[in-house]
Protein backbone atom coordinates (compact mmCIF):
# COMPACT_ATOMS: atom_id res chain seq x y z
CA MET A 1 -53.08 -24.10 64.90
CA ALA A 2 -50.52 -21.81 66.22
CA GLU A 3 -47.68 -21.01 63.49
CA GLU A 4 -44.33 -23.01 64.43
CA MET A 5 -42.15 -20.77 66.55
CA ILE A 6 -38.23 -20.99 65.98
CA GLU A 7 -35.10 -19.73 67.65
CA VAL A 8 -33.07 -17.37 65.49
CA ILE A 9 -29.35 -17.97 66.50
CA ASP A 10 -26.12 -16.21 65.74
CA HIS A 11 -23.14 -17.63 64.13
CA LYS A 12 -21.71 -18.81 67.50
CA GLY A 13 -25.26 -20.59 67.90
CA ASN A 14 -26.28 -18.31 70.49
CA ILE A 15 -30.27 -17.72 70.66
CA VAL A 16 -31.17 -14.25 69.75
CA ARG A 17 -34.91 -14.43 69.76
CA VAL A 18 -37.72 -16.62 68.82
CA ALA A 19 -39.75 -15.83 65.64
CA PRO A 20 -42.25 -17.44 63.64
CA ARG A 21 -41.67 -19.64 61.04
CA SER A 22 -43.05 -17.40 58.29
CA GLU A 23 -40.82 -14.51 59.36
CA VAL A 24 -37.69 -17.28 59.48
CA HIS A 25 -38.15 -18.87 56.15
CA GLY A 26 -37.66 -16.49 53.26
CA ASP A 27 -35.03 -14.42 55.31
CA PRO A 28 -31.49 -16.14 54.96
CA SER A 29 -30.35 -13.71 57.35
CA LEU A 30 -32.00 -15.41 60.17
CA MET A 31 -30.09 -18.24 60.86
CA HIS A 32 -32.03 -21.17 62.84
CA ARG A 33 -31.29 -24.83 64.08
CA VAL A 34 -32.24 -28.02 62.45
CA VAL A 35 -31.49 -31.41 62.57
CA HIS A 36 -31.06 -34.20 60.09
CA VAL A 37 -31.28 -38.13 60.39
CA LEU A 38 -29.55 -40.20 57.80
CA VAL A 39 -31.38 -43.36 58.07
CA PHE A 40 -29.46 -46.54 56.30
CA ASN A 41 -30.53 -50.05 56.24
CA SER A 42 -27.94 -52.70 57.20
CA SER A 43 -26.89 -52.97 53.32
CA GLY A 44 -25.75 -49.53 53.35
CA LYS A 45 -28.50 -47.82 51.42
CA LEU A 46 -29.59 -44.44 52.62
CA VAL A 47 -33.56 -43.87 52.92
CA LEU A 48 -34.55 -40.72 51.13
CA GLN A 49 -37.76 -39.09 51.55
CA GLN A 50 -39.69 -37.25 48.28
CA ARG A 51 -41.03 -33.92 49.94
CA SER A 52 -44.65 -33.40 49.46
CA MET A 53 -45.65 -30.97 46.78
CA ASN A 54 -47.21 -28.84 49.24
CA LYS A 55 -44.08 -27.67 51.12
CA ASP A 56 -42.79 -24.39 50.96
CA VAL A 57 -39.03 -25.54 50.60
CA ALA A 58 -37.97 -28.07 47.71
CA PRO A 59 -41.46 -29.31 47.10
CA GLY A 60 -41.26 -32.60 45.17
CA LYS A 61 -37.51 -33.05 45.84
CA TRP A 62 -35.79 -36.05 47.04
CA ASP A 63 -34.43 -35.10 50.37
CA THR A 64 -32.55 -36.42 53.80
CA SER A 65 -34.14 -39.09 55.47
CA VAL A 66 -35.37 -36.89 58.17
CA GLY A 67 -35.09 -33.46 58.62
CA GLY A 68 -36.75 -30.78 61.09
CA HIS A 69 -36.53 -27.47 63.24
CA VAL A 70 -35.38 -27.72 66.67
CA ASP A 71 -38.23 -26.35 68.84
CA PRO A 72 -37.25 -23.55 71.07
CA GLY A 73 -35.42 -24.85 74.28
CA GLU A 74 -35.48 -28.31 72.76
CA LEU A 75 -32.10 -30.32 72.97
CA LEU A 76 -30.95 -31.34 69.36
CA GLU A 77 -31.08 -35.40 70.04
CA LYS A 78 -34.48 -35.11 71.32
CA ALA A 79 -35.52 -32.88 68.08
CA ALA A 80 -33.73 -35.60 66.00
CA LEU A 81 -35.72 -38.37 67.87
CA ARG A 82 -39.13 -36.40 67.72
CA GLU A 83 -38.67 -35.94 63.93
CA MET A 84 -37.91 -39.34 63.21
CA GLU A 85 -40.74 -40.66 64.96
CA GLU A 86 -42.90 -38.11 63.24
CA GLU A 87 -41.85 -38.52 59.78
CA LEU A 88 -40.93 -41.96 59.63
CA GLY A 89 -42.82 -43.53 62.62
CA ILE A 90 -39.25 -45.05 64.25
CA ILE A 91 -37.33 -44.78 67.10
CA SER A 92 -33.50 -45.78 66.96
CA GLU A 93 -30.58 -45.39 68.42
CA LEU A 94 -28.98 -42.48 67.36
CA GLU A 95 -24.92 -41.30 66.58
CA PHE A 96 -23.98 -37.56 66.12
CA LEU A 97 -21.78 -37.24 62.99
CA TYR A 98 -21.24 -33.50 62.33
CA SER A 99 -22.67 -29.61 62.37
CA TYR A 100 -22.44 -27.42 59.48
CA ILE A 101 -24.12 -24.51 58.07
CA HIS A 102 -26.25 -24.52 54.89
CA SER A 103 -27.45 -21.20 53.23
CA ASN A 104 -29.33 -20.34 50.19
CA ASP A 105 -31.41 -17.32 49.10
CA TYR A 106 -34.10 -18.70 51.07
CA GLU A 107 -32.81 -19.50 54.27
CA THR A 108 -30.01 -20.13 56.57
CA GLU A 109 -29.69 -23.05 58.80
CA GLN A 110 -27.35 -24.62 61.28
CA VAL A 111 -27.59 -28.27 60.69
CA HIS A 112 -26.76 -31.15 63.05
CA THR A 113 -26.70 -34.64 61.41
CA PHE A 114 -27.20 -37.62 63.27
CA ARG A 115 -27.38 -41.24 61.57
CA CYS A 116 -28.82 -44.49 62.43
CA ILE A 117 -29.48 -48.10 61.04
CA HIS A 118 -32.82 -49.47 60.68
CA ASP A 119 -34.23 -52.39 58.67
CA GLY A 120 -37.57 -52.36 60.18
CA PRO A 121 -40.96 -50.87 58.38
CA LEU A 122 -41.26 -47.18 58.00
CA THR A 123 -44.51 -45.69 58.25
CA TYR A 124 -44.00 -42.34 56.54
CA ASN A 125 -46.07 -39.00 57.22
CA ARG A 126 -48.15 -38.51 54.07
CA GLU A 127 -48.90 -34.66 54.71
CA GLU A 128 -45.10 -34.21 54.44
CA ILE A 129 -43.79 -36.73 52.40
CA ASP A 130 -44.78 -38.08 49.07
CA ASP A 131 -42.61 -41.15 48.81
CA ILE A 132 -39.62 -42.76 50.52
CA ARG A 133 -37.20 -45.32 49.33
CA PRO A 134 -33.46 -46.53 49.87
CA TRP A 135 -30.72 -45.27 47.55
CA SER A 136 -27.72 -46.70 46.98
CA ILE A 137 -24.48 -44.20 47.28
CA ASN A 138 -24.20 -44.71 43.43
CA GLU A 139 -27.76 -43.84 42.78
CA ILE A 140 -27.31 -40.63 44.71
CA ARG A 141 -23.88 -39.59 42.95
CA GLU A 142 -25.55 -40.07 39.58
CA ALA A 143 -28.60 -37.81 40.80
CA LEU A 144 -26.18 -34.98 41.80
CA GLY A 145 -26.99 -31.88 39.80
CA LYS A 146 -29.73 -33.03 37.97
CA GLY A 147 -32.68 -31.39 39.89
CA THR A 148 -33.86 -34.42 41.60
CA LEU A 149 -32.38 -33.78 44.67
CA SER A 150 -32.81 -30.78 47.16
CA ASP A 151 -29.89 -28.53 47.29
CA ASN A 152 -29.85 -29.00 51.09
CA PHE A 153 -29.56 -32.82 50.63
CA GLU A 154 -26.96 -32.24 47.77
CA HIS A 155 -24.92 -30.06 50.33
CA GLU A 156 -25.43 -32.82 53.00
CA PHE A 157 -24.38 -35.74 50.94
CA LYS A 158 -21.04 -34.07 49.88
CA ARG A 159 -20.50 -33.25 53.39
CA TYR A 160 -21.15 -36.99 54.59
CA LEU A 161 -18.99 -38.27 51.75
CA GLY A 162 -16.35 -35.97 53.13
CA GLU A 163 -16.51 -37.25 56.49
CA ALA A 164 -16.73 -40.91 55.05
CA ARG A 165 -13.16 -41.06 53.80
CA GLY A 166 -11.99 -42.52 57.31
CA GLU A 167 -14.61 -45.32 56.50
CA GLN A 168 -16.19 -44.98 59.77
CA LEU A 169 -19.08 -44.36 58.21
CA PRO A 170 -21.16 -46.72 55.85
CA VAL A 171 -20.51 -46.11 52.36
CA GLN A 172 -22.03 -48.52 49.86
CA THR A 173 -21.39 -48.00 46.59
CA HIS A 174 -23.16 -50.70 44.89
CA ASP A 175 -26.61 -51.98 44.69
CA ARG A 176 -27.45 -55.45 46.67
């Protein structure tokens, strides 16, 4: 199987070149595009995935419902739909929320976040994901900073809560 190729971009989002994943991951100077999908159920709980212990980034940590690289030349919404189907076995209408840059010692990502509401069954990719489950907003708040969640998801969650102040986004604060 050929190595995944990733578009390296500048801070304006312009494509600089295409490089293999092995070159991009591990070099935070090479920014690349990713999509995240926050999958809520109609009760307002957010589905999180526990990353496989085989992953090179945040193994075993609880993370965003869906996340993945944007393929070269791929539109953001198409990438989000593809990743949703690959990781959770679902196709759902998406709503674009926001974009931001997440950087750590390992990588720099330009993140494009979508959300959807889905109450049906989820069939997750067991090669990439060890477990999935819905979390209340309070459960997530309690887990912040304790090493249970990926640093990328903690950044995402804080961003989401900041965007949710206007109450356009579902924010459930208690268990149902």
